[in-house]
Amino acid sequence: MTTSVKMDDDTKSRLERLQAEIRLQAGRRVTQQEILARLVEHAIESKADLIDSFREKRVPLAESERERFHDGMVSSGVTTTEEDIDDVLYG
């Protein structure tokens, strides 16, 4: 059973270029279905990398932004322990 997969024109074009490169370098024709099956197989083997690729990218803050954040903090002079936090959170 085959199922069609929708993709935008850019992705389709890139898949076609990949297909052509495989033919030139491997010396044999492969279908787009074979390419997609192989890509899925590799993705399953390295699921963590695939999942990470969908995570929101976070750019580290510049030092000046970090300093500006910490400038707004003031010390109350009271040391807070984990037990203090637990008491506030859990009663």
PDB file of N, CA and C in Angstrom:
ATOM      1  N   MET A   1       0.842  -1.172   0.000  1.00  0.00           N
ATOM      2  CA  MET A   1       0.000   0.000   0.000  1.00  0.00           C
ATOM      3  C   MET A   1       0.890   1.239   0.000  1.00  0.00           C
ATOM      4  N   THR A   2       0.587   2.173  -0.844  1.00  0.00           N
ATOM      5  CA  THR A   2       1.335   3.423  -0.885  1.00  0.00           C
ATOM      6  C   THR A   2       0.427   4.567  -0.499  1.00  0.00           C
ATOM      7  N   THR A   3       1.046   5.566   0.069  1.00  0.00           N
ATOM      8  CA  THR A   3       0.333   6.760   0.486  1.00  0.00           C
ATOM      9  C   THR A   3       1.099   7.963  -0.030  1.00  0.00           C
ATOM     10  N   SER A   4       0.395   8.956  -0.485  1.00  0.00           N
ATOM     11  CA  SER A   4       1.083  10.154  -0.969  1.00  0.00           C
ATOM     12  C   SER A   4       1.451  11.051   0.216  1.00  0.00           C
ATOM     13  N   VAL A   5       2.525  11.765   0.037  1.00  0.00           N
ATOM     14  CA  VAL A   5       3.004  12.690   1.063  1.00  0.00           C
ATOM     15  C   VAL A   5       3.022  14.076   0.446  1.00  0.00           C
ATOM     16  N   LYS A   6       2.406  15.030   1.113  1.00  0.00           N
ATOM     17  CA  LYS A   6       2.393  16.400   0.601  1.00  0.00           C
ATOM     18  C   LYS A   6       3.662  17.106   1.055  1.00  0.00           C
ATOM     19  N   MET A   7       4.270  17.852   0.128  1.00  0.00           N
ATOM     20  CA  MET A   7       5.438  18.658   0.466  1.00  0.00           C
ATOM     21  C   MET A   7       5.430  19.893  -0.417  1.00  0.00           C
ATOM     22  N   ASP A   8       6.089  20.931   0.065  1.00  0.00           N
ATOM     23  CA  ASP A   8       6.123  22.160  -0.718  1.00  0.00           C
ATOM     24  C   ASP A   8       7.082  22.008  -1.904  1.00  0.00           C
ATOM     25  N   ASP A   9       7.015  22.949  -2.821  1.00  0.00           N
ATOM     26  CA  ASP A   9       7.812  22.865  -4.046  1.00  0.00           C
ATOM     27  C   ASP A   9       9.310  22.841  -3.771  1.00  0.00           C
ATOM     28  N   ASP A  10       9.756  23.604  -2.775  1.00  0.00           N
ATOM     29  CA  ASP A  10      11.181  23.649  -2.448  1.00  0.00           C
ATOM     30  C   ASP A  10      11.665  22.287  -1.957  1.00  0.00           C
ATOM     31  N   THR A  11      10.894  21.659  -1.080  1.00  0.00           N
ATOM     32  CA  THR A  11      11.262  20.341  -0.560  1.00  0.00           C
ATOM     33  C   THR A  11      11.258  19.311  -1.681  1.00  0.00           C
ATOM     34  N   LYS A  12      10.271  19.371  -2.551  1.00  0.00           N
ATOM     35  CA  LYS A  12      10.192  18.448  -3.685  1.00  0.00           C
ATOM     36  C   LYS A  12      11.419  18.611  -4.584  1.00  0.00           C
ATOM     37  N   SER A  13      11.796  19.842  -4.830  1.00  0.00           N
ATOM     38  CA  SER A  13      12.954  20.120  -5.668  1.00  0.00           C
ATOM     39  C   SER A  13      14.241  19.590  -5.026  1.00  0.00           C
ATOM     40  N   ARG A  14      14.373  19.770  -3.725  1.00  0.00           N
ATOM     41  CA  ARG A  14      15.554  19.270  -3.020  1.00  0.00           C
ATOM     42  C   ARG A  14      15.599  17.742  -3.038  1.00  0.00           C
ATOM     43  N   LEU A  15      14.434  17.103  -2.918  1.00  0.00           N
ATOM     44  CA  LEU A  15      14.374  15.651  -2.990  1.00  0.00           C
ATOM     45  C   LEU A  15      14.791  15.161  -4.383  1.00  0.00           C
ATOM     46  N   GLU A  16      14.358  15.864  -5.402  1.00  0.00           N
ATOM     47  CA  GLU A  16      14.740  15.507  -6.770  1.00  0.00           C
ATOM     48  C   GLU A  16      16.241  15.677  -6.990  1.00  0.00           C
ATOM     49  N   ARG A  17      16.826  16.752  -6.452  1.00  0.00           N
ATOM     50  CA  ARG A  17      18.275  16.949  -6.569  1.00  0.00           C
ATOM     51  C   ARG A  17      19.025  15.844  -5.842  1.00  0.00           C
ATOM     52  N   LEU A  18      18.534  15.463  -4.670  1.00  0.00           N
ATOM     53  CA  LEU A  18      19.145  14.371  -3.914  1.00  0.00           C
ATOM     54  C   LEU A  18      19.073  13.068  -4.708  1.00  0.00           C
ATOM     55  N   GLN A  19      17.940  12.840  -5.311  1.00  0.00           N
ATOM     56  CA  GLN A  19      17.754  11.644  -6.134  1.00  0.00           C
ATOM     57  C   GLN A  19      18.768  11.632  -7.283  1.00  0.00           C
ATOM     58  N   ALA A  20      18.966  12.767  -7.923  1.00  0.00           N
ATOM     59  CA  ALA A  20      19.921  12.851  -9.029  1.00  0.00           C
ATOM     60  C   ALA A  20      21.353  12.625  -8.538  1.00  0.00           C
ATOM     61  N   GLU A  21      21.701  13.201  -7.394  1.00  0.00           N
ATOM     62  CA  GLU A  21      23.047  13.005  -6.830  1.00  0.00           C
ATOM     63  C   GLU A  21      23.307  11.539  -6.502  1.00  0.00           C
ATOM     64  N   ILE A  22      22.316  10.881  -5.928  1.00  0.00           N
ATOM     65  CA  ILE A  22      22.467   9.457  -5.602  1.00  0.00           C
ATOM     66  C   ILE A  22      22.709   8.659  -6.874  1.00  0.00           C
ATOM     67  N   ARG A  23      21.971   8.986  -7.927  1.00  0.00           N
ATOM     68  CA  ARG A  23      22.142   8.268  -9.192  1.00  0.00           C
ATOM     69  C   ARG A  23      23.548   8.470  -9.744  1.00  0.00           C
ATOM     70  N   LEU A  24      24.043   9.717  -9.678  1.00  0.00           N
ATOM     71  CA  LEU A  24      25.379   9.995 -10.204  1.00  0.00           C
ATOM     72  C   LEU A  24      26.472   9.327  -9.373  1.00  0.00           C
ATOM     73  N   GLN A  25      26.362   9.404  -8.061  1.00  0.00           N
ATOM     74  CA  GLN A  25      27.440   8.923  -7.206  1.00  0.00           C
ATOM     75  C   GLN A  25      27.353   7.430  -6.889  1.00  0.00           C
ATOM     76  N   ALA A  26      26.144   6.896  -6.806  1.00  0.00           N
ATOM     77  CA  ALA A  26      25.990   5.468  -6.496  1.00  0.00           C
ATOM     78  C   ALA A  26      25.890   4.628  -7.764  1.00  0.00           C
ATOM     79  N   GLY A  27      25.606   5.290  -8.880  1.00  0.00           N
ATOM     80  CA  GLY A  27      25.556   4.566 -10.141  1.00  0.00           C
ATOM     81  C   GLY A  27      24.287   3.768 -10.365  1.00  0.00           C
ATOM     82  N   ARG A  28      23.248   4.066  -9.609  1.00  0.00           N
ATOM     83  CA  ARG A  28      21.980   3.369  -9.846  1.00  0.00           C
ATOM     84  C   ARG A  28      20.818   4.283  -9.532  1.00  0.00           C
ATOM     85  N   ARG A  29      19.717   3.990 -10.162  1.00  0.00           N
ATOM     86  CA  ARG A  29      18.511   4.797  -9.943  1.00  0.00           C
ATOM     87  C   ARG A  29      17.828   4.355  -8.657  1.00  0.00           C
ATOM     88  N   VAL A  30      17.348   5.313  -7.927  1.00  0.00           N
ATOM     89  CA  VAL A  30      16.528   5.029  -6.744  1.00  0.00           C
ATOM     90  C   VAL A  30      15.274   5.883  -6.834  1.00  0.00           C
ATOM     91  N   THR A  31      14.207   5.375  -6.302  1.00  0.00           N
ATOM     92  CA  THR A  31      12.955   6.129  -6.320  1.00  0.00           C
ATOM     93  C   THR A  31      12.937   7.081  -5.133  1.00  0.00           C
ATOM     94  N   GLN A  32      12.081   8.072  -5.233  1.00  0.00           N
ATOM     95  CA  GLN A  32      11.910   8.993  -4.116  1.00  0.00           C
ATOM     96  C   GLN A  32      11.353   8.252  -2.909  1.00  0.00           C
ATOM     97  N   GLN A  33      10.552   7.236  -3.153  1.00  0.00           N
ATOM     98  CA  GLN A  33      10.014   6.418  -2.069  1.00  0.00           C
ATOM     99  C   GLN A  33      11.152   5.717  -1.316  1.00  0.00           C
ATOM    100  N   GLU A  34      12.141   5.194  -2.069  1.00  0.00           N
ATOM    101  CA  GLU A  34      13.284   4.543  -1.425  1.00  0.00           C
ATOM    102  C   GLU A  34      14.083   5.534  -0.592  1.00  0.00           C
ATOM    103  N   ILE A  35      14.250   6.724  -1.136  1.00  0.00           N
ATOM    104  CA  ILE A  35      14.998   7.755  -0.403  1.00  0.00           C
ATOM    105  C   ILE A  35      14.283   8.105   0.893  1.00  0.00           C
ATOM    106  N   LEU A  36      12.982   8.331   0.811  1.00  0.00           N
ATOM    107  CA  LEU A  36      12.215   8.681   2.012  1.00  0.00           C
ATOM    108  C   LEU A  36      12.231   7.554   3.033  1.00  0.00           C
ATOM    109  N   ALA A  37      12.132   6.310   2.568  1.00  0.00           N
ATOM    110  CA  ALA A  37      12.173   5.167   3.479  1.00  0.00           C
ATOM    111  C   ALA A  37      13.513   5.111   4.202  1.00  0.00           C
ATOM    112  N   ARG A  38      14.604   5.349   3.477  1.00  0.00           N
ATOM    113  CA  ARG A  38      15.939   5.330   4.078  1.00  0.00           C
ATOM    114  C   ARG A  38      16.097   6.482   5.070  1.00  0.00           C
ATOM    115  N   LEU A  39      15.572   7.650   4.717  1.00  0.00           N
ATOM    116  CA  LEU A  39      15.649   8.795   5.631  1.00  0.00           C
ATOM    117  C   LEU A  39      14.893   8.518   6.932  1.00  0.00           C
ATOM    118  N   VAL A  40      13.717   7.921   6.819  1.00  0.00           N
ATOM    119  CA  VAL A  40      12.937   7.587   8.011  1.00  0.00           C
ATOM    120  C   VAL A  40      13.681   6.551   8.856  1.00  0.00           C
ATOM    121  N   GLU A  41      14.277   5.570   8.199  1.00  0.00           N
ATOM    122  CA  GLU A  41      15.039   4.537   8.899  1.00  0.00           C
ATOM    123  C   GLU A  41      16.188   5.171   9.710  1.00  0.00           C
ATOM    124  N   HIS A  42      16.916   6.081   9.070  1.00  0.00           N
ATOM    125  CA  HIS A  42      18.019   6.758   9.767  1.00  0.00           C
ATOM    126  C   HIS A  42      17.498   7.656  10.885  1.00  0.00           C
ATOM    127  N   ALA A  43      16.374   8.300  10.661  1.00  0.00           N
ATOM    128  CA  ALA A  43      15.801   9.176  11.681  1.00  0.00           C
ATOM    129  C   ALA A  43      15.392   8.382  12.917  1.00  0.00           C
ATOM    130  N   ILE A  44      14.865   7.192  12.708  1.00  0.00           N
ATOM    131  CA  ILE A  44      14.461   6.350  13.836  1.00  0.00           C
ATOM    132  C   ILE A  44      15.681   5.902  14.627  1.00  0.00           C
ATOM    133  N   GLU A  45      16.784   5.645  13.922  1.00  0.00           N
ATOM    134  CA  GLU A  45      18.012   5.235  14.602  1.00  0.00           C
ATOM    135  C   GLU A  45      18.605   6.361  15.445  1.00  0.00           C
ATOM    136  N   SER A  46      18.344   7.585  15.068  1.00  0.00           N
ATOM    137  CA  SER A  46      18.866   8.724  15.827  1.00  0.00           C
ATOM    138  C   SER A  46      17.719   9.666  16.191  1.00  0.00           C
ATOM    139  N   LYS A  47      16.738   9.102  16.891  1.00  0.00           N
ATOM    140  CA  LYS A  47      15.531   9.855  17.256  1.00  0.00           C
ATOM    141  C   LYS A  47      15.844  11.126  18.028  1.00  0.00           C
ATOM    142  N   ALA A  48      16.803  11.055  18.927  1.00  0.00           N
ATOM    143  CA  ALA A  48      17.117  12.218  19.762  1.00  0.00           C
ATOM    144  C   ALA A  48      17.513  13.407  18.894  1.00  0.00           C
ATOM    145  N   ASP A  49      18.339  13.167  17.879  1.00  0.00           N
ATOM    146  CA  ASP A  49      18.747  14.255  16.984  1.00  0.00           C
ATOM    147  C   ASP A  49      17.552  14.832  16.242  1.00  0.00           C
ATOM    148  N   LEU A  50      16.681  13.963  15.776  1.00  0.00           N
ATOM    149  CA  LEU A  50      15.503  14.425  15.053  1.00  0.00           C
ATOM    150  C   LEU A  50      14.606  15.254  15.967  1.00  0.00           C
ATOM    151  N   ILE A  51      14.361  14.759  17.154  1.00  0.00           N
ATOM    152  CA  ILE A  51      13.511  15.482  18.108  1.00  0.00           C
ATOM    153  C   ILE A  51      14.131  16.831  18.450  1.00  0.00           C
ATOM    154  N   ASP A  52      15.445  16.836  18.683  1.00  0.00           N
ATOM    155  CA  ASP A  52      16.131  18.093  18.996  1.00  0.00           C
ATOM    156  C   ASP A  52      16.004  19.103  17.867  1.00  0.00           C
ATOM    157  N   SER A  53      15.946  18.622  16.633  1.00  0.00           N
ATOM    158  CA  SER A  53      15.849  19.544  15.499  1.00  0.00           C
ATOM    159  C   SER A  53      14.514  20.293  15.484  1.00  0.00           C
ATOM    160  N   PHE A  54      13.519  19.789  16.217  1.00  0.00           N
ATOM    161  CA  PHE A  54      12.224  20.457  16.287  1.00  0.00           C
ATOM    162  C   PHE A  54      12.079  21.346  17.518  1.00  0.00           C
ATOM    163  N   ARG A  55      13.057  21.293  18.406  1.00  0.00           N
ATOM    164  CA  ARG A  55      12.997  22.138  19.592  1.00  0.00           C
ATOM    165  C   ARG A  55      13.260  23.593  19.206  1.00  0.00           C
ATOM    166  N   GLU A  56      12.683  24.484  20.003  1.00  0.00           N
ATOM    167  CA  GLU A  56      12.909  25.899  19.777  1.00  0.00           C
ATOM    168  C   GLU A  56      14.375  26.206  20.032  1.00  0.00           C
ATOM    169  N   LYS A  57      14.985  26.884  19.084  1.00  0.00           N
ATOM    170  CA  LYS A  57      16.387  27.249  19.230  1.00  0.00           C
ATOM    171  C   LYS A  57      16.503  28.414  20.204  1.00  0.00           C
ATOM    172  N   ARG A  58      17.459  28.326  21.092  1.00  0.00           N
ATOM    173  CA  ARG A  58      17.686  29.409  22.044  1.00  0.00           C
ATOM    174  C   ARG A  58      19.095  29.936  21.859  1.00  0.00           C
ATOM    175  N   VAL A  59      19.150  31.197  21.574  1.00  0.00           N
ATOM    176  CA  VAL A  59      20.445  31.830  21.393  1.00  0.00           C
ATOM    177  C   VAL A  59      20.902  32.343  22.756  1.00  0.00           C
ATOM    178  N   PRO A  60      22.136  32.072  23.134  1.00  0.00           N
ATOM    179  CA  PRO A  60      22.613  32.554  24.428  1.00  0.00           C
ATOM    180  C   PRO A  60      22.542  34.076  24.506  1.00  0.00           C
ATOM    181  N   LEU A  61      22.247  34.574  25.690  1.00  0.00           N
ATOM    182  CA  LEU A  61      22.183  36.012  25.895  1.00  0.00           C
ATOM    183  C   LEU A  61      23.569  36.625  25.802  1.00  0.00           C
ATOM    184  N   ALA A  62      23.607  37.827  25.298  1.00  0.00           N
ATOM    185  CA  ALA A  62      24.857  38.575  25.291  1.00  0.00           C
ATOM    186  C   ALA A  62      25.194  38.943  26.737  1.00  0.00           C
ATOM    187  N   GLU A  63      26.465  39.161  27.000  1.00  0.00           N
ATOM    188  CA  GLU A  63      26.899  39.505  28.361  1.00  0.00           C
ATOM    189  C   GLU A  63      26.184  40.754  28.876  1.00  0.00           C
ATOM    190  N   SER A  64      25.981  41.748  28.009  1.00  0.00           N
ATOM    191  CA  SER A  64      25.305  42.982  28.441  1.00  0.00           C
ATOM    192  C   SER A  64      23.857  42.708  28.840  1.00  0.00           C
ATOM    193  N   GLU A  65      23.175  41.801  28.135  1.00  0.00           N
ATOM    194  CA  GLU A  65      21.801  41.452  28.490  1.00  0.00           C
ATOM    195  C   GLU A  65      21.759  40.698  29.816  1.00  0.00           C
ATOM    196  N   ARG A  66      22.741  39.828  30.022  1.00  0.00           N
ATOM    197  CA  ARG A  66      22.826  39.081  31.280  1.00  0.00           C
ATOM    198  C   ARG A  66      23.052  40.040  32.454  1.00  0.00           C
ATOM    199  N   GLU A  67      23.934  41.011  32.258  1.00  0.00           N
ATOM    200  CA  GLU A  67      24.198  41.994  33.309  1.00  0.00           C
ATOM    201  C   GLU A  67      22.957  42.829  33.600  1.00  0.00           C
ATOM    202  N   ARG A  68      22.244  43.230  32.549  1.00  0.00           N
ATOM    203  CA  ARG A  68      21.022  44.036  32.737  1.00  0.00           C
ATOM    204  C   ARG A  68      19.989  43.251  33.544  1.00  0.00           C
ATOM    205  N   PHE A  69      19.875  41.942  33.288  1.00  0.00           N
ATOM    206  CA  PHE A  69      18.954  41.094  34.041  1.00  0.00           C
ATOM    207  C   PHE A  69      19.348  41.075  35.517  1.00  0.00           C
ATOM    208  N   HIS A  70      20.625  40.860  35.776  1.00  0.00           N
ATOM    209  CA  HIS A  70      21.084  40.759  37.167  1.00  0.00           C
ATOM    210  C   HIS A  70      21.090  42.105  37.888  1.00  0.00           C
ATOM    211  N   ASP A  71      21.155  43.210  37.157  1.00  0.00           N
ATOM    212  CA  ASP A  71      21.111  44.539  37.782  1.00  0.00           C
ATOM    213  C   ASP A  71      19.792  44.757  38.509  1.00  0.00           C
ATOM    214  N   GLY A  72      18.724  44.125  38.050  1.00  0.00           N
ATOM    215  CA  GLY A  72      17.417  44.299  38.674  1.00  0.00           C
ATOM    216  C   GLY A  72      17.249  43.493  39.947  1.00  0.00           C
ATOM    217  N   MET A  73      18.221  42.661  40.264  1.00  0.00           N
ATOM    218  CA  MET A  73      18.124  41.813  41.456  1.00  0.00           C
ATOM    219  C   MET A  73      18.738  42.529  42.649  1.00  0.00           C
ATOM    220  N   VAL A  74      18.107  42.362  43.801  1.00  0.00           N
ATOM    221  CA  VAL A  74      18.645  42.926  45.041  1.00  0.00           C
ATOM    222  C   VAL A  74      18.732  41.819  46.081  1.00  0.00           C
ATOM    223  N   SER A  75      19.716  41.920  46.919  1.00  0.00           N
ATOM    224  CA  SER A  75      19.867  40.934  47.981  1.00  0.00           C
ATOM    225  C   SER A  75      19.060  41.369  49.184  1.00  0.00           C
ATOM    226  N   SER A  76      18.276  40.467  49.730  1.00  0.00           N
ATOM    227  CA  SER A  76      17.496  40.781  50.926  1.00  0.00           C
ATOM    228  C   SER A  76      18.318  40.558  52.183  1.00  0.00           C
ATOM    229  N   GLY A  77      19.486  39.928  52.007  1.00  0.00           N
ATOM    230  CA  GLY A  77      20.330  39.652  53.159  1.00  0.00           C
ATOM    231  C   GLY A  77      19.940  38.371  53.879  1.00  0.00           C
ATOM    232  N   VAL A  78      18.892  37.691  53.397  1.00  0.00           N
ATOM    233  CA  VAL A  78      18.436  36.463  54.030  1.00  0.00           C
ATOM    234  C   VAL A  78      18.815  35.291  53.125  1.00  0.00           C
ATOM    235  N   THR A  79      19.420  34.274  53.725  1.00  0.00           N
ATOM    236  CA  THR A  79      19.763  33.084  52.972  1.00  0.00           C
ATOM    237  C   THR A  79      18.551  32.168  52.907  1.00  0.00           C
ATOM    238  N   THR A  80      18.206  31.743  51.685  1.00  0.00           N
ATOM    239  CA  THR A  80      17.062  30.860  51.496  1.00  0.00           C
ATOM    240  C   THR A  80      17.571  29.440  51.270  1.00  0.00           C
ATOM    241  N   THR A  81      17.038  28.504  52.036  1.00  0.00           N
ATOM    242  CA  THR A  81      17.449  27.109  51.901  1.00  0.00           C
ATOM    243  C   THR A  81      16.413  26.348  51.072  1.00  0.00           C
ATOM    244  N   GLU A  82      16.770  25.141  50.691  1.00  0.00           N
ATOM    245  CA  GLU A  82      15.820  24.300  49.958  1.00  0.00           C
ATOM    246  C   GLU A  82      14.596  24.006  50.810  1.00  0.00           C
ATOM    247  N   GLU A  83      14.809  23.834  52.101  1.00  0.00           N
ATOM    248  CA  GLU A  83      13.678  23.569  53.004  1.00  0.00           C
ATOM    249  C   GLU A  83      12.721  24.758  53.039  1.00  0.00           C
ATOM    250  N   ASP A  84      13.266  25.986  53.009  1.00  0.00           N
ATOM    251  CA  ASP A  84      12.414  27.179  52.979  1.00  0.00           C
ATOM    252  C   ASP A  84      11.536  27.179  51.727  1.00  0.00           C
ATOM    253  N   ILE A  85      12.143  26.841  50.611  1.00  0.00           N
ATOM    254  CA  ILE A  85      11.402  26.812  49.348  1.00  0.00           C
ATOM    255  C   ILE A  85      10.331  25.728  49.404  1.00  0.00           C
ATOM    256  N   ASP A  86      10.698  24.546  49.922  1.00  0.00           N
ATOM    257  CA  ASP A  86       9.723  23.462  50.039  1.00  0.00           C
ATOM    258  C   ASP A  86       8.549  23.872  50.924  1.00  0.00           C
ATOM    259  N   ASP A  87       8.832  24.557  52.025  1.00  0.00           N
ATOM    260  CA  ASP A  87       7.765  25.009  52.925  1.00  0.00           C
ATOM    261  C   ASP A  87       6.800  25.951  52.201  1.00  0.00           C
ATOM    262  N   VAL A  88       7.347  26.875  51.408  1.00  0.00           N
ATOM    263  CA  VAL A  88       6.500  27.818  50.699  1.00  0.00           C
ATOM    264  C   VAL A  88       5.684  27.099  49.625  1.00  0.00           C
ATOM    265  N   LEU A  89       6.338  26.195  48.897  1.00  0.00           N
ATOM    266  CA  LEU A  89       5.643  25.519  47.809  1.00  0.00           C
ATOM    267  C   LEU A  89       4.644  24.469  48.285  1.00  0.00           C
ATOM    268  N   TYR A  90       5.062  23.679  49.263  1.00  0.00           N
ATOM    269  CA  TYR A  90       4.263  22.507  49.635  1.00  0.00           C
ATOM    270  C   TYR A  90       3.604  22.617  51.006  1.00  0.00           C
ATOM    271  N   GLY A  91       3.946  23.676  51.748  1.00  0.00           N
ATOM    272  CA  GLY A  91       3.301  23.899  53.046  1.00  0.00           C
ATOM    273  C   GLY A  91       3.837  23.134  54.190  1.00  0.00           C
TER     274      GLY A  91
END
